[in-house]
Amino acid sequence: MAYWLFKSEPDKWSWDEQKAKGDVGEEWDGIRNYQARNNMREMKIGDLGFFYHSNIGKDVVGIVEVCALSHPDSTTDDERWDCVDVKAVCDMPNSVTLADVKASPKLEEMALVKMVRLSVQPVRPNEWAEVCRMGGLKDFPRSE
């Protein structure tokens, strides 16, 4: 199992909209970057990810779980583009801002800092634990 970060502009798809989908989840569609697509192709059912509001807020606001493996993106007929489905797991008690992440020496190598434009990115286990701690999750979700 692995950890990920999913970026979404909250005026296009917000954390509240994600939570409203419940256990059914929603396609993480519209991704048109090969590395982000390849990251989704590597995902397994049960992998966990941070839900990150980009552009507005620039903060981790919740945790999602991959609930459907990579499949063709329904928003295009172009067979190059895939997506996964994700469902909300829990709110981040205290959002963790990009500024917070950049200020932490423990997160200086995190993809969120190094590959700022990548919309779906891997998160290392130690980074996962640190962001969860910063967000106030004491018993944070872990992938098995």
N, C-alpha and C. Protein backbone atom coordinates (compact mmCIF):
# COMPACT_ATOMS: atom_id res chain seq x y z
N MET A 1 0.84 -1.18 0.00
CA MET A 1 0.00 0.00 0.00
C MET A 1 0.89 1.24 0.00
N ALA A 2 0.30 2.31 -0.50
CA ALA A 2 1.08 3.54 -0.65
C ALA A 2 0.24 4.75 -0.27
N TYR A 3 0.92 5.88 -0.18
CA TYR A 3 0.28 7.16 0.13
C TYR A 3 0.45 8.11 -1.05
N TRP A 4 -0.53 9.01 -1.19
CA TRP A 4 -0.57 9.92 -2.33
C TRP A 4 -1.09 11.28 -1.89
N LEU A 5 -0.98 12.24 -2.78
CA LEU A 5 -1.60 13.55 -2.59
C LEU A 5 -2.35 13.89 -3.87
N PHE A 6 -3.62 14.27 -3.72
CA PHE A 6 -4.48 14.63 -4.83
C PHE A 6 -4.81 16.11 -4.74
N LYS A 7 -4.45 16.85 -5.77
CA LYS A 7 -4.73 18.28 -5.79
C LYS A 7 -6.04 18.56 -6.52
N SER A 8 -6.84 19.45 -5.94
CA SER A 8 -8.08 19.89 -6.58
C SER A 8 -8.30 21.36 -6.30
N GLU A 9 -8.73 22.07 -7.32
CA GLU A 9 -9.11 23.46 -7.11
C GLU A 9 -10.50 23.45 -6.47
N PRO A 10 -10.64 24.03 -5.28
CA PRO A 10 -11.91 23.92 -4.56
C PRO A 10 -13.11 24.54 -5.26
N ASP A 11 -12.88 25.45 -6.19
CA ASP A 11 -14.02 26.00 -6.93
C ASP A 11 -14.45 25.06 -8.06
N LYS A 12 -13.65 24.01 -8.33
CA LYS A 12 -14.02 23.01 -9.34
C LYS A 12 -14.47 21.70 -8.68
N TRP A 13 -13.79 21.27 -7.63
CA TRP A 13 -14.17 20.08 -6.87
C TRP A 13 -13.62 20.25 -5.46
N SER A 14 -14.51 20.45 -4.51
CA SER A 14 -14.09 20.76 -3.14
C SER A 14 -14.13 19.53 -2.25
N TRP A 15 -13.53 19.66 -1.10
CA TRP A 15 -13.56 18.61 -0.10
C TRP A 15 -15.01 18.31 0.32
N ASP A 16 -15.82 19.33 0.47
CA ASP A 16 -17.23 19.11 0.83
C ASP A 16 -17.95 18.30 -0.24
N GLU A 17 -17.66 18.57 -1.51
CA GLU A 17 -18.27 17.79 -2.59
C GLU A 17 -17.78 16.34 -2.55
N GLN A 18 -16.50 16.17 -2.26
CA GLN A 18 -15.95 14.81 -2.16
C GLN A 18 -16.63 14.05 -1.04
N LYS A 19 -16.77 14.68 0.12
CA LYS A 19 -17.42 14.01 1.26
C LYS A 19 -18.87 13.66 0.95
N ALA A 20 -19.55 14.51 0.19
CA ALA A 20 -20.96 14.27 -0.13
C ALA A 20 -21.14 13.02 -0.99
N LYS A 21 -20.11 12.56 -1.66
CA LYS A 21 -20.19 11.35 -2.48
C LYS A 21 -20.23 10.08 -1.64
N GLY A 22 -19.86 10.18 -0.36
CA GLY A 22 -19.92 9.03 0.53
C GLY A 22 -19.00 7.90 0.10
N ASP A 23 -19.42 6.67 0.44
CA ASP A 23 -18.60 5.49 0.15
C ASP A 23 -18.52 5.14 -1.33
N VAL A 24 -19.43 5.70 -2.12
CA VAL A 24 -19.39 5.46 -3.56
C VAL A 24 -18.14 6.08 -4.15
N GLY A 25 -17.76 7.23 -3.64
CA GLY A 25 -16.58 7.92 -4.15
C GLY A 25 -16.86 8.59 -5.48
N GLU A 26 -15.79 9.04 -6.10
CA GLU A 26 -15.89 9.80 -7.34
C GLU A 26 -14.62 9.58 -8.16
N GLU A 27 -14.76 9.60 -9.47
CA GLU A 27 -13.60 9.54 -10.34
C GLU A 27 -12.69 10.75 -10.09
N TRP A 28 -11.40 10.49 -10.04
CA TRP A 28 -10.43 11.59 -10.00
C TRP A 28 -10.04 11.85 -11.44
N ASP A 29 -10.93 12.55 -12.15
CA ASP A 29 -10.82 12.67 -13.60
C ASP A 29 -10.22 14.00 -14.03
N GLY A 30 -10.02 14.11 -15.33
CA GLY A 30 -9.53 15.36 -15.90
C GLY A 30 -8.03 15.54 -15.83
N ILE A 31 -7.30 14.53 -15.39
CA ILE A 31 -5.85 14.65 -15.27
C ILE A 31 -5.23 14.45 -16.66
N ARG A 32 -4.45 15.43 -17.08
CA ARG A 32 -3.83 15.37 -18.41
C ARG A 32 -2.32 15.58 -18.31
N ASN A 33 -1.72 14.89 -17.36
CA ASN A 33 -0.28 14.91 -17.16
C ASN A 33 0.16 13.45 -17.07
N TYR A 34 1.17 13.08 -17.85
CA TYR A 34 1.57 11.68 -17.90
C TYR A 34 2.07 11.15 -16.56
N GLN A 35 2.86 11.92 -15.84
CA GLN A 35 3.37 11.44 -14.56
C GLN A 35 2.23 11.25 -13.55
N ALA A 36 1.29 12.19 -13.51
CA ALA A 36 0.13 12.05 -12.62
C ALA A 36 -0.68 10.82 -13.01
N ARG A 37 -0.89 10.62 -14.31
CA ARG A 37 -1.61 9.44 -14.78
C ARG A 37 -0.87 8.16 -14.38
N ASN A 38 0.44 8.15 -14.56
CA ASN A 38 1.22 6.97 -14.20
C ASN A 38 1.14 6.70 -12.71
N ASN A 39 1.11 7.75 -11.91
CA ASN A 39 0.94 7.57 -10.47
C ASN A 39 -0.39 6.88 -10.18
N MET A 40 -1.45 7.29 -10.85
CA MET A 40 -2.75 6.66 -10.62
C MET A 40 -2.74 5.20 -11.09
N ARG A 41 -2.02 4.90 -12.14
CA ARG A 41 -1.92 3.52 -12.62
C ARG A 41 -1.23 2.61 -11.61
N GLU A 42 -0.41 3.19 -10.74
CA GLU A 42 0.30 2.42 -9.70
C GLU A 42 -0.56 2.19 -8.46
N MET A 43 -1.65 2.90 -8.31
CA MET A 43 -2.45 2.85 -7.08
C MET A 43 -3.18 1.53 -6.93
N LYS A 44 -3.36 1.16 -5.67
CA LYS A 44 -4.09 -0.05 -5.30
C LYS A 44 -5.31 0.33 -4.46
N ILE A 45 -6.30 -0.54 -4.46
CA ILE A 45 -7.47 -0.33 -3.60
C ILE A 45 -6.98 -0.23 -2.15
N GLY A 46 -7.46 0.77 -1.45
CA GLY A 46 -7.08 0.97 -0.06
C GLY A 46 -5.93 1.94 0.15
N ASP A 47 -5.20 2.29 -0.93
CA ASP A 47 -4.17 3.32 -0.79
C ASP A 47 -4.85 4.59 -0.27
N LEU A 48 -4.12 5.36 0.50
CA LEU A 48 -4.65 6.59 1.10
C LEU A 48 -3.98 7.81 0.48
N GLY A 49 -4.71 8.92 0.50
CA GLY A 49 -4.17 10.15 -0.05
C GLY A 49 -4.65 11.37 0.68
N PHE A 50 -3.85 12.40 0.63
CA PHE A 50 -4.27 13.70 1.13
C PHE A 50 -5.11 14.38 0.06
N PHE A 51 -6.19 15.02 0.46
CA PHE A 51 -7.00 15.86 -0.42
C PHE A 51 -6.49 17.27 -0.20
N TYR A 52 -5.92 17.84 -1.25
CA TYR A 52 -5.24 19.14 -1.17
C TYR A 52 -5.98 20.16 -2.01
N HIS A 53 -6.39 21.25 -1.38
CA HIS A 53 -7.00 22.36 -2.12
C HIS A 53 -5.88 23.20 -2.72
N SER A 54 -5.82 23.23 -4.04
CA SER A 54 -4.79 24.03 -4.71
C SER A 54 -5.38 25.37 -5.14
N ASN A 55 -4.51 26.30 -5.42
CA ASN A 55 -4.85 27.66 -5.88
C ASN A 55 -5.59 28.47 -4.82
N ILE A 56 -6.69 27.96 -4.30
CA ILE A 56 -7.44 28.67 -3.25
C ILE A 56 -7.23 27.88 -1.97
N GLY A 57 -6.58 28.46 -0.99
CA GLY A 57 -6.32 27.79 0.27
C GLY A 57 -4.94 27.18 0.34
N LYS A 58 -4.59 26.40 -0.67
CA LYS A 58 -3.30 25.72 -0.71
C LYS A 58 -3.05 24.97 0.59
N ASP A 59 -3.96 24.00 0.87
CA ASP A 59 -3.83 23.25 2.11
C ASP A 59 -4.43 21.85 2.02
N VAL A 60 -3.87 20.96 2.84
CA VAL A 60 -4.41 19.62 2.99
C VAL A 60 -5.61 19.73 3.92
N VAL A 61 -6.77 19.29 3.43
CA VAL A 61 -8.01 19.46 4.19
C VAL A 61 -8.67 18.13 4.57
N GLY A 62 -8.22 17.02 3.97
CA GLY A 62 -8.83 15.74 4.28
C GLY A 62 -8.01 14.58 3.77
N ILE A 63 -8.54 13.38 4.05
CA ILE A 63 -7.90 12.15 3.61
C ILE A 63 -8.91 11.35 2.80
N VAL A 64 -8.43 10.82 1.67
CA VAL A 64 -9.24 9.98 0.79
C VAL A 64 -8.62 8.60 0.69
N GLU A 65 -9.43 7.66 0.20
CA GLU A 65 -8.98 6.29 -0.03
C GLU A 65 -9.30 5.91 -1.46
N VAL A 66 -8.37 5.24 -2.12
CA VAL A 66 -8.62 4.74 -3.47
C VAL A 66 -9.63 3.60 -3.37
N CYS A 67 -10.75 3.75 -4.09
CA CYS A 67 -11.82 2.74 -4.02
C CYS A 67 -12.09 2.07 -5.36
N ALA A 68 -11.41 2.49 -6.42
CA ALA A 68 -11.49 1.80 -7.72
C ALA A 68 -10.15 2.00 -8.43
N LEU A 69 -9.66 0.92 -8.99
CA LEU A 69 -8.37 0.96 -9.69
C LEU A 69 -8.44 1.81 -10.95
N SER A 70 -7.27 2.08 -11.48
CA SER A 70 -7.15 2.88 -12.70
C SER A 70 -8.03 2.32 -13.81
N HIS A 71 -8.76 3.22 -14.45
CA HIS A 71 -9.67 2.87 -15.54
C HIS A 71 -9.78 4.07 -16.48
N PRO A 72 -10.34 3.89 -17.68
CA PRO A 72 -10.45 5.02 -18.61
C PRO A 72 -11.21 6.20 -17.99
N ASP A 73 -10.68 7.37 -18.20
CA ASP A 73 -11.29 8.61 -17.71
C ASP A 73 -12.55 8.89 -18.53
N SER A 74 -13.68 8.98 -17.86
CA SER A 74 -14.97 9.16 -18.56
C SER A 74 -15.15 10.55 -19.16
N THR A 75 -14.22 11.47 -18.86
CA THR A 75 -14.37 12.83 -19.39
C THR A 75 -13.70 13.03 -20.75
N THR A 76 -13.15 11.93 -21.30
CA THR A 76 -12.50 12.05 -22.61
C THR A 76 -12.61 10.73 -23.37
N ASP A 77 -12.55 10.83 -24.69
CA ASP A 77 -12.49 9.63 -25.53
C ASP A 77 -11.05 9.24 -25.84
N ASP A 78 -10.11 10.03 -25.37
CA ASP A 78 -8.69 9.78 -25.61
C ASP A 78 -8.23 8.66 -24.68
N GLU A 79 -7.85 7.53 -25.26
CA GLU A 79 -7.52 6.35 -24.46
C GLU A 79 -6.23 6.48 -23.65
N ARG A 80 -5.49 7.55 -23.83
CA ARG A 80 -4.26 7.74 -23.05
C ARG A 80 -4.55 8.07 -21.59
N TRP A 81 -5.75 8.57 -21.29
CA TRP A 81 -6.00 9.13 -19.96
C TRP A 81 -6.85 8.22 -19.09
N ASP A 82 -6.32 7.93 -17.92
CA ASP A 82 -6.96 7.08 -16.92
C ASP A 82 -7.27 7.89 -15.68
N CYS A 83 -8.02 7.27 -14.79
CA CYS A 83 -8.26 7.86 -13.48
C CYS A 83 -8.54 6.74 -12.48
N VAL A 84 -8.54 7.06 -11.22
CA VAL A 84 -8.98 6.17 -10.16
C VAL A 84 -10.21 6.80 -9.53
N ASP A 85 -10.90 6.04 -8.70
CA ASP A 85 -11.99 6.60 -7.89
C ASP A 85 -11.49 6.70 -6.47
N VAL A 86 -11.88 7.78 -5.79
CA VAL A 86 -11.50 7.97 -4.39
C VAL A 86 -12.75 8.31 -3.58
N LYS A 87 -12.69 7.93 -2.29
CA LYS A 87 -13.77 8.28 -1.36
C LYS A 87 -13.17 8.96 -0.15
N ALA A 88 -13.94 9.84 0.46
CA ALA A 88 -13.49 10.56 1.65
C ALA A 88 -13.37 9.60 2.83
N VAL A 89 -12.32 9.78 3.62
CA VAL A 89 -12.11 8.99 4.83
C VAL A 89 -12.36 9.85 6.06
N CYS A 90 -11.69 10.99 6.13
CA CYS A 90 -11.86 11.86 7.29
C CYS A 90 -11.36 13.27 6.98
N ASP A 91 -11.86 14.21 7.76
CA ASP A 91 -11.38 15.59 7.70
C ASP A 91 -10.01 15.67 8.36
N MET A 92 -9.23 16.63 7.92
CA MET A 92 -8.01 16.98 8.62
C MET A 92 -8.45 17.97 9.71
N PRO A 93 -8.29 17.64 10.99
CA PRO A 93 -8.78 18.54 12.04
C PRO A 93 -8.28 19.98 11.89
N ASN A 94 -7.02 20.12 11.54
CA ASN A 94 -6.43 21.43 11.26
C ASN A 94 -5.79 21.34 9.88
N SER A 95 -6.22 22.19 8.96
CA SER A 95 -5.63 22.11 7.63
C SER A 95 -4.13 22.37 7.73
N VAL A 96 -3.40 21.75 6.83
CA VAL A 96 -1.94 21.91 6.77
C VAL A 96 -1.64 22.67 5.49
N THR A 97 -1.18 23.89 5.65
CA THR A 97 -0.95 24.75 4.49
C THR A 97 0.36 24.42 3.79
N LEU A 98 0.45 24.87 2.56
CA LEU A 98 1.69 24.72 1.81
C LEU A 98 2.82 25.42 2.55
N ALA A 99 2.55 26.57 3.13
CA ALA A 99 3.57 27.29 3.91
C ALA A 99 4.04 26.44 5.09
N ASP A 100 3.11 25.74 5.76
CA ASP A 100 3.48 24.85 6.87
C ASP A 100 4.41 23.74 6.38
N VAL A 101 4.05 23.14 5.24
CA VAL A 101 4.85 22.06 4.67
C VAL A 101 6.24 22.57 4.32
N LYS A 102 6.31 23.70 3.66
CA LYS A 102 7.61 24.25 3.27
C LYS A 102 8.47 24.64 4.46
N ALA A 103 7.84 24.99 5.58
CA ALA A 103 8.58 25.40 6.77
C ALA A 103 9.12 24.22 7.57
N SER A 104 8.65 23.01 7.28
CA SER A 104 9.07 21.84 8.04
C SER A 104 10.30 21.19 7.42
N PRO A 105 11.41 21.12 8.16
CA PRO A 105 12.60 20.44 7.64
C PRO A 105 12.33 18.96 7.32
N LYS A 106 11.37 18.35 8.02
CA LYS A 106 11.04 16.95 7.78
C LYS A 106 10.36 16.74 6.42
N LEU A 107 9.87 17.82 5.82
CA LEU A 107 9.12 17.70 4.56
C LEU A 107 9.82 18.37 3.38
N GLU A 108 11.08 18.74 3.55
CA GLU A 108 11.77 19.49 2.50
C GLU A 108 11.93 18.71 1.20
N GLU A 109 11.86 17.38 1.24
CA GLU A 109 11.98 16.57 0.03
C GLU A 109 10.63 16.13 -0.51
N MET A 110 9.54 16.53 0.13
CA MET A 110 8.20 16.12 -0.29
C MET A 110 7.90 16.62 -1.71
N ALA A 111 7.21 15.79 -2.48
CA ALA A 111 6.87 16.17 -3.86
C ALA A 111 6.09 17.48 -3.90
N LEU A 112 5.28 17.75 -2.89
CA LEU A 112 4.52 19.00 -2.84
C LEU A 112 5.44 20.21 -2.87
N VAL A 113 6.64 20.06 -2.35
CA VAL A 113 7.64 21.13 -2.35
C VAL A 113 8.49 21.08 -3.62
N LYS A 114 8.85 19.89 -4.06
CA LYS A 114 9.78 19.73 -5.18
C LYS A 114 9.10 19.74 -6.55
N MET A 115 7.89 19.19 -6.63
CA MET A 115 7.17 19.10 -7.92
C MET A 115 5.82 19.80 -7.77
N VAL A 116 5.89 21.11 -7.61
CA VAL A 116 4.72 21.89 -7.20
C VAL A 116 3.54 21.81 -8.17
N ARG A 117 3.77 21.54 -9.43
CA ARG A 117 2.67 21.54 -10.40
C ARG A 117 2.03 20.16 -10.61
N LEU A 118 2.64 19.11 -10.09
CA LEU A 118 2.13 17.76 -10.30
C LEU A 118 0.86 17.54 -9.48
N SER A 119 -0.23 17.18 -10.16
CA SER A 119 -1.55 17.14 -9.54
C SER A 119 -1.85 15.87 -8.75
N VAL A 120 -1.15 14.79 -9.04
CA VAL A 120 -1.28 13.55 -8.28
C VAL A 120 0.13 13.08 -8.00
N GLN A 121 0.51 13.04 -6.73
CA GLN A 121 1.90 12.79 -6.40
C GLN A 121 2.05 11.79 -5.26
N PRO A 122 3.18 11.09 -5.24
CA PRO A 122 3.44 10.14 -4.16
C PRO A 122 3.81 10.87 -2.87
N VAL A 123 3.52 10.23 -1.75
CA VAL A 123 3.89 10.74 -0.43
C VAL A 123 4.60 9.60 0.29
N ARG A 124 5.77 9.87 0.83
CA ARG A 124 6.52 8.84 1.58
C ARG A 124 5.86 8.61 2.94
N PRO A 125 6.00 7.41 3.50
CA PRO A 125 5.39 7.12 4.81
C PRO A 125 5.76 8.12 5.91
N ASN A 126 7.03 8.53 5.96
CA ASN A 126 7.43 9.50 6.99
C ASN A 126 6.77 10.87 6.75
N GLU A 127 6.58 11.24 5.49
CA GLU A 127 5.89 12.51 5.16
C GLU A 127 4.42 12.41 5.54
N TRP A 128 3.82 11.25 5.27
CA TRP A 128 2.42 11.01 5.63
C TRP A 128 2.22 11.21 7.14
N ALA A 129 3.08 10.57 7.91
CA ALA A 129 2.98 10.66 9.36
C ALA A 129 3.16 12.09 9.84
N GLU A 130 4.10 12.81 9.26
CA GLU A 130 4.37 14.19 9.69
C GLU A 130 3.22 15.13 9.34
N VAL A 131 2.67 15.03 8.14
CA VAL A 131 1.55 15.90 7.77
C VAL A 131 0.32 15.57 8.63
N CYS A 132 0.09 14.29 8.86
CA CYS A 132 -1.03 13.92 9.75
C CYS A 132 -0.83 14.50 11.14
N ARG A 133 0.38 14.41 11.68
CA ARG A 133 0.68 14.98 13.00
C ARG A 133 0.43 16.48 12.99
N MET A 134 0.93 17.16 11.96
CA MET A 134 0.76 18.61 11.85
C MET A 134 -0.73 18.99 11.76
N GLY A 135 -1.53 18.12 11.15
CA GLY A 135 -2.95 18.37 10.98
C GLY A 135 -3.80 17.99 12.18
N GLY A 136 -3.16 17.45 13.22
CA GLY A 136 -3.89 17.14 14.44
C GLY A 136 -4.52 15.76 14.48
N LEU A 137 -4.11 14.88 13.57
CA LEU A 137 -4.64 13.51 13.60
C LEU A 137 -3.74 12.66 14.49
N LYS A 138 -4.27 12.24 15.62
CA LYS A 138 -3.49 11.42 16.55
C LYS A 138 -3.48 9.97 16.09
N ASP A 139 -4.63 9.45 15.74
CA ASP A 139 -4.74 8.08 15.23
C ASP A 139 -4.99 8.15 13.74
N PHE A 140 -3.98 8.62 13.01
CA PHE A 140 -4.18 8.86 11.59
C PHE A 140 -4.28 7.55 10.83
N PRO A 141 -5.02 7.58 9.74
CA PRO A 141 -5.15 6.38 8.92
C PRO A 141 -3.79 5.98 8.35
N ARG A 142 -3.57 4.69 8.31
CA ARG A 142 -2.34 4.14 7.73
C ARG A 142 -2.73 3.08 6.72
N SER A 143 -1.97 3.01 5.66
CA SER A 143 -2.20 1.89 4.73
C SER A 143 -1.51 0.68 5.33
N GLU A 144 -2.05 -0.47 5.06
CA GLU A 144 -1.52 -1.73 5.64
C GLU A 144 -0.37 -2.25 4.83
